[in-house]
Amino acid sequence: MLLPFNGKAQNVSAGDDTPLLWALRYHLKTTGTKFGCGAGLCGACAVHVDGETVLTALSDVDGKQVTSIEELAPNGDHALTGG
């Protein structure tokens, strides 16, 4: 799947049912998005998809822009990163 991620097209070779979190961490090697409570309650695994905060599978973001914490704060100066 070609994934528009943090402003760049990224190729992700993973099953459609792969959680987006795992695709970001293990296929794209970005680690800002974390596994937290495992139920989507704490927000650690949330990313923006077309500007909406979501917790979803890789197949649900096909053709949509995915933005992680790394893109929100490339210099560490976003409120979510404590900057």
N, C-alpha and C. Protein backbone atom coordinates (compact mmCIF):
# COMPACT_ATOMS: atom_id res chain seq x y z
N MET A 1 0.84 -1.17 0.00
CA MET A 1 0.00 0.00 0.00
C MET A 1 0.89 1.24 0.00
N LEU A 2 0.52 2.22 -0.80
CA LEU A 2 1.20 3.51 -0.79
C LEU A 2 0.46 4.40 0.18
N LEU A 3 1.15 4.82 1.22
CA LEU A 3 0.54 5.57 2.32
C LEU A 3 1.08 7.00 2.34
N PRO A 4 0.20 8.01 2.17
CA PRO A 4 0.64 9.38 2.34
C PRO A 4 0.87 9.63 3.83
N PHE A 5 2.14 9.66 4.24
CA PHE A 5 2.49 9.73 5.65
C PHE A 5 3.43 10.89 5.92
N ASN A 6 3.02 11.79 6.79
CA ASN A 6 3.83 12.96 7.16
C ASN A 6 4.35 13.72 5.94
N GLY A 7 3.47 13.88 4.95
CA GLY A 7 3.80 14.67 3.78
C GLY A 7 4.57 13.96 2.70
N LYS A 8 4.84 12.67 2.86
CA LYS A 8 5.58 11.91 1.86
C LYS A 8 4.85 10.60 1.58
N ALA A 9 4.91 10.15 0.34
CA ALA A 9 4.34 8.85 -0.02
C ALA A 9 5.28 7.75 0.47
N GLN A 10 4.77 6.84 1.28
CA GLN A 10 5.57 5.75 1.84
C GLN A 10 4.95 4.41 1.43
N ASN A 11 5.78 3.47 1.02
CA ASN A 11 5.29 2.14 0.68
C ASN A 11 5.29 1.28 1.94
N VAL A 12 4.13 0.71 2.27
CA VAL A 12 4.00 -0.14 3.45
C VAL A 12 3.54 -1.52 2.99
N SER A 13 4.34 -2.52 3.25
CA SER A 13 3.98 -3.90 2.91
C SER A 13 3.49 -4.59 4.16
N ALA A 14 2.19 -4.52 4.38
CA ALA A 14 1.56 -5.13 5.55
C ALA A 14 0.13 -5.49 5.19
N GLY A 15 -0.43 -6.43 5.92
CA GLY A 15 -1.81 -6.83 5.68
C GLY A 15 -2.79 -5.71 5.99
N ASP A 16 -3.93 -5.74 5.32
CA ASP A 16 -4.95 -4.70 5.51
C ASP A 16 -5.44 -4.61 6.94
N ASP A 17 -5.42 -5.72 7.66
CA ASP A 17 -5.91 -5.71 9.04
C ASP A 17 -4.83 -5.31 10.06
N THR A 18 -3.64 -4.97 9.57
CA THR A 18 -2.57 -4.52 10.45
C THR A 18 -2.98 -3.21 11.12
N PRO A 19 -2.88 -3.12 12.44
CA PRO A 19 -3.16 -1.83 13.08
C PRO A 19 -2.22 -0.76 12.54
N LEU A 20 -2.76 0.42 12.31
CA LEU A 20 -1.96 1.52 11.80
C LEU A 20 -0.74 1.78 12.69
N LEU A 21 -0.92 1.65 14.00
CA LEU A 21 0.19 1.83 14.93
C LEU A 21 1.37 0.94 14.57
N TRP A 22 1.11 -0.34 14.31
CA TRP A 22 2.21 -1.27 13.99
C TRP A 22 2.84 -0.93 12.65
N ALA A 23 2.04 -0.49 11.68
CA ALA A 23 2.59 -0.10 10.38
C ALA A 23 3.54 1.08 10.56
N LEU A 24 3.15 2.04 11.38
CA LEU A 24 4.00 3.21 11.59
C LEU A 24 5.28 2.85 12.33
N ARG A 25 5.16 2.05 13.37
CA ARG A 25 6.33 1.74 14.20
C ARG A 25 7.26 0.72 13.56
N TYR A 26 6.72 -0.36 13.01
CA TYR A 26 7.56 -1.47 12.58
C TYR A 26 7.87 -1.47 11.08
N HIS A 27 7.01 -0.86 10.28
CA HIS A 27 7.28 -0.82 8.84
C HIS A 27 7.94 0.50 8.44
N LEU A 28 7.49 1.61 9.04
CA LEU A 28 8.05 2.92 8.71
C LEU A 28 9.08 3.40 9.72
N LYS A 29 9.26 2.64 10.79
CA LYS A 29 10.31 2.92 11.79
C LYS A 29 10.15 4.29 12.47
N THR A 30 8.92 4.76 12.65
CA THR A 30 8.67 5.97 13.43
C THR A 30 8.18 5.52 14.80
N THR A 31 8.66 6.14 15.83
CA THR A 31 8.37 5.65 17.17
C THR A 31 7.65 6.66 18.06
N GLY A 32 7.22 7.78 17.50
CA GLY A 32 6.49 8.77 18.30
C GLY A 32 5.13 8.27 18.75
N THR A 33 4.47 7.52 17.88
CA THR A 33 3.19 6.92 18.23
C THR A 33 3.48 5.67 19.05
N LYS A 34 2.83 5.55 20.19
CA LYS A 34 3.14 4.48 21.15
C LYS A 34 1.96 3.55 21.39
N PHE A 35 2.25 2.35 21.86
CA PHE A 35 1.23 1.44 22.38
C PHE A 35 1.06 1.79 23.85
N GLY A 36 -0.15 2.08 24.25
CA GLY A 36 -0.40 2.45 25.64
C GLY A 36 -1.29 1.43 26.32
N CYS A 37 -2.56 1.77 26.44
CA CYS A 37 -3.49 0.95 27.20
C CYS A 37 -3.97 -0.28 26.43
N GLY A 38 -3.84 -0.27 25.10
CA GLY A 38 -4.30 -1.40 24.29
C GLY A 38 -5.76 -1.35 23.94
N ALA A 39 -6.46 -0.33 24.42
CA ALA A 39 -7.90 -0.22 24.15
C ALA A 39 -8.27 1.11 23.49
N GLY A 40 -7.28 1.94 23.18
CA GLY A 40 -7.55 3.22 22.55
C GLY A 40 -8.10 4.28 23.48
N LEU A 41 -7.95 4.09 24.77
CA LEU A 41 -8.48 5.03 25.75
C LEU A 41 -7.50 6.12 26.15
N CYS A 42 -6.22 5.83 26.13
CA CYS A 42 -5.23 6.80 26.62
C CYS A 42 -4.75 7.75 25.53
N GLY A 43 -4.89 7.40 24.26
CA GLY A 43 -4.50 8.27 23.17
C GLY A 43 -3.06 8.12 22.69
N ALA A 44 -2.28 7.27 23.32
CA ALA A 44 -0.87 7.12 22.93
C ALA A 44 -0.72 6.63 21.49
N CYS A 45 -1.69 5.86 21.00
CA CYS A 45 -1.58 5.29 19.66
C CYS A 45 -2.36 6.08 18.61
N ALA A 46 -2.89 7.23 18.99
CA ALA A 46 -3.67 8.04 18.06
C ALA A 46 -2.79 8.75 17.04
N VAL A 47 -3.29 8.84 15.82
CA VAL A 47 -2.66 9.62 14.76
C VAL A 47 -3.76 10.42 14.08
N HIS A 48 -3.36 11.42 13.30
CA HIS A 48 -4.33 12.20 12.53
C HIS A 48 -4.45 11.57 11.15
N VAL A 49 -5.69 11.34 10.73
CA VAL A 49 -5.98 10.88 9.38
C VAL A 49 -6.92 11.90 8.78
N ASP A 50 -6.45 12.59 7.75
CA ASP A 50 -7.19 13.69 7.14
C ASP A 50 -7.65 14.70 8.19
N GLY A 51 -6.79 14.95 9.18
CA GLY A 51 -7.06 15.96 10.20
C GLY A 51 -7.89 15.50 11.37
N GLU A 52 -8.36 14.27 11.36
CA GLU A 52 -9.15 13.72 12.47
C GLU A 52 -8.29 12.75 13.27
N THR A 53 -8.40 12.77 14.58
CA THR A 53 -7.66 11.84 15.42
C THR A 53 -8.37 10.50 15.40
N VAL A 54 -7.64 9.44 15.04
CA VAL A 54 -8.25 8.12 14.91
C VAL A 54 -7.35 7.03 15.48
N LEU A 55 -7.95 5.91 15.74
CA LEU A 55 -7.28 4.66 16.09
C LEU A 55 -7.87 3.65 15.13
N THR A 56 -7.08 3.12 14.20
CA THR A 56 -7.67 2.34 13.12
C THR A 56 -6.69 1.34 12.53
N ALA A 57 -7.20 0.56 11.58
CA ALA A 57 -6.38 -0.40 10.84
C ALA A 57 -5.80 0.26 9.60
N LEU A 58 -4.77 -0.31 9.07
CA LEU A 58 -4.10 0.21 7.88
C LEU A 58 -5.06 0.34 6.71
N SER A 59 -5.94 -0.62 6.51
CA SER A 59 -6.87 -0.58 5.38
C SER A 59 -7.81 0.61 5.43
N ASP A 60 -8.08 1.14 6.60
CA ASP A 60 -9.01 2.26 6.75
C ASP A 60 -8.41 3.60 6.35
N VAL A 61 -7.12 3.66 6.09
CA VAL A 61 -6.48 4.92 5.75
C VAL A 61 -6.03 4.97 4.29
N ASP A 62 -6.43 4.01 3.50
CA ASP A 62 -6.04 3.97 2.09
C ASP A 62 -6.48 5.26 1.40
N GLY A 63 -5.53 5.96 0.81
CA GLY A 63 -5.81 7.19 0.09
C GLY A 63 -6.00 8.42 0.96
N LYS A 64 -5.76 8.30 2.26
CA LYS A 64 -5.92 9.41 3.18
C LYS A 64 -4.56 9.86 3.70
N GLN A 65 -4.46 11.11 4.11
CA GLN A 65 -3.21 11.65 4.65
C GLN A 65 -3.09 11.29 6.12
N VAL A 66 -2.00 10.62 6.48
CA VAL A 66 -1.73 10.21 7.85
C VAL A 66 -0.63 11.10 8.41
N THR A 67 -0.88 11.66 9.60
CA THR A 67 0.09 12.54 10.23
C THR A 67 0.35 12.05 11.65
N SER A 68 1.61 11.83 11.98
CA SER A 68 1.97 11.37 13.32
C SER A 68 2.57 12.51 14.12
N ILE A 69 2.89 12.24 15.35
CA ILE A 69 3.47 13.24 16.24
C ILE A 69 4.78 13.80 15.69
N GLU A 70 5.54 13.00 14.94
CA GLU A 70 6.80 13.48 14.36
C GLU A 70 6.56 14.65 13.41
N GLU A 71 5.48 14.62 12.67
CA GLU A 71 5.18 15.70 11.73
C GLU A 71 4.61 16.92 12.45
N LEU A 72 3.86 16.69 13.53
CA LEU A 72 3.32 17.80 14.29
C LEU A 72 4.41 18.59 14.99
N ALA A 73 5.49 17.92 15.37
CA ALA A 73 6.55 18.58 16.12
C ALA A 73 7.93 18.15 15.64
N PRO A 74 8.29 18.49 14.40
CA PRO A 74 9.61 18.07 13.93
C PRO A 74 10.75 18.66 14.74
N ASN A 75 10.51 19.77 15.40
CA ASN A 75 11.55 20.40 16.24
C ASN A 75 11.25 20.25 17.73
N GLY A 76 10.23 19.45 18.07
CA GLY A 76 9.87 19.25 19.47
C GLY A 76 9.16 20.44 20.08
N ASP A 77 8.58 21.32 19.25
CA ASP A 77 7.99 22.54 19.76
C ASP A 77 6.46 22.58 19.71
N HIS A 78 5.82 21.45 19.62
CA HIS A 78 4.36 21.38 19.62
C HIS A 78 3.86 21.14 21.05
N ALA A 79 2.69 21.67 21.35
CA ALA A 79 2.14 21.52 22.70
C ALA A 79 2.02 20.06 23.13
N LEU A 80 1.77 19.17 22.18
CA LEU A 80 1.65 17.74 22.52
C LEU A 80 2.97 17.12 22.93
N THR A 81 4.07 17.75 22.54
CA THR A 81 5.38 17.20 22.90
C THR A 81 6.00 17.94 24.08
N GLY A 82 5.25 18.87 24.64
CA GLY A 82 5.74 19.61 25.78
C GLY A 82 6.54 20.84 25.42
N GLY A 83 6.57 21.16 24.11
CA GLY A 83 7.36 22.31 23.67
C GLY A 83 6.57 23.58 23.57
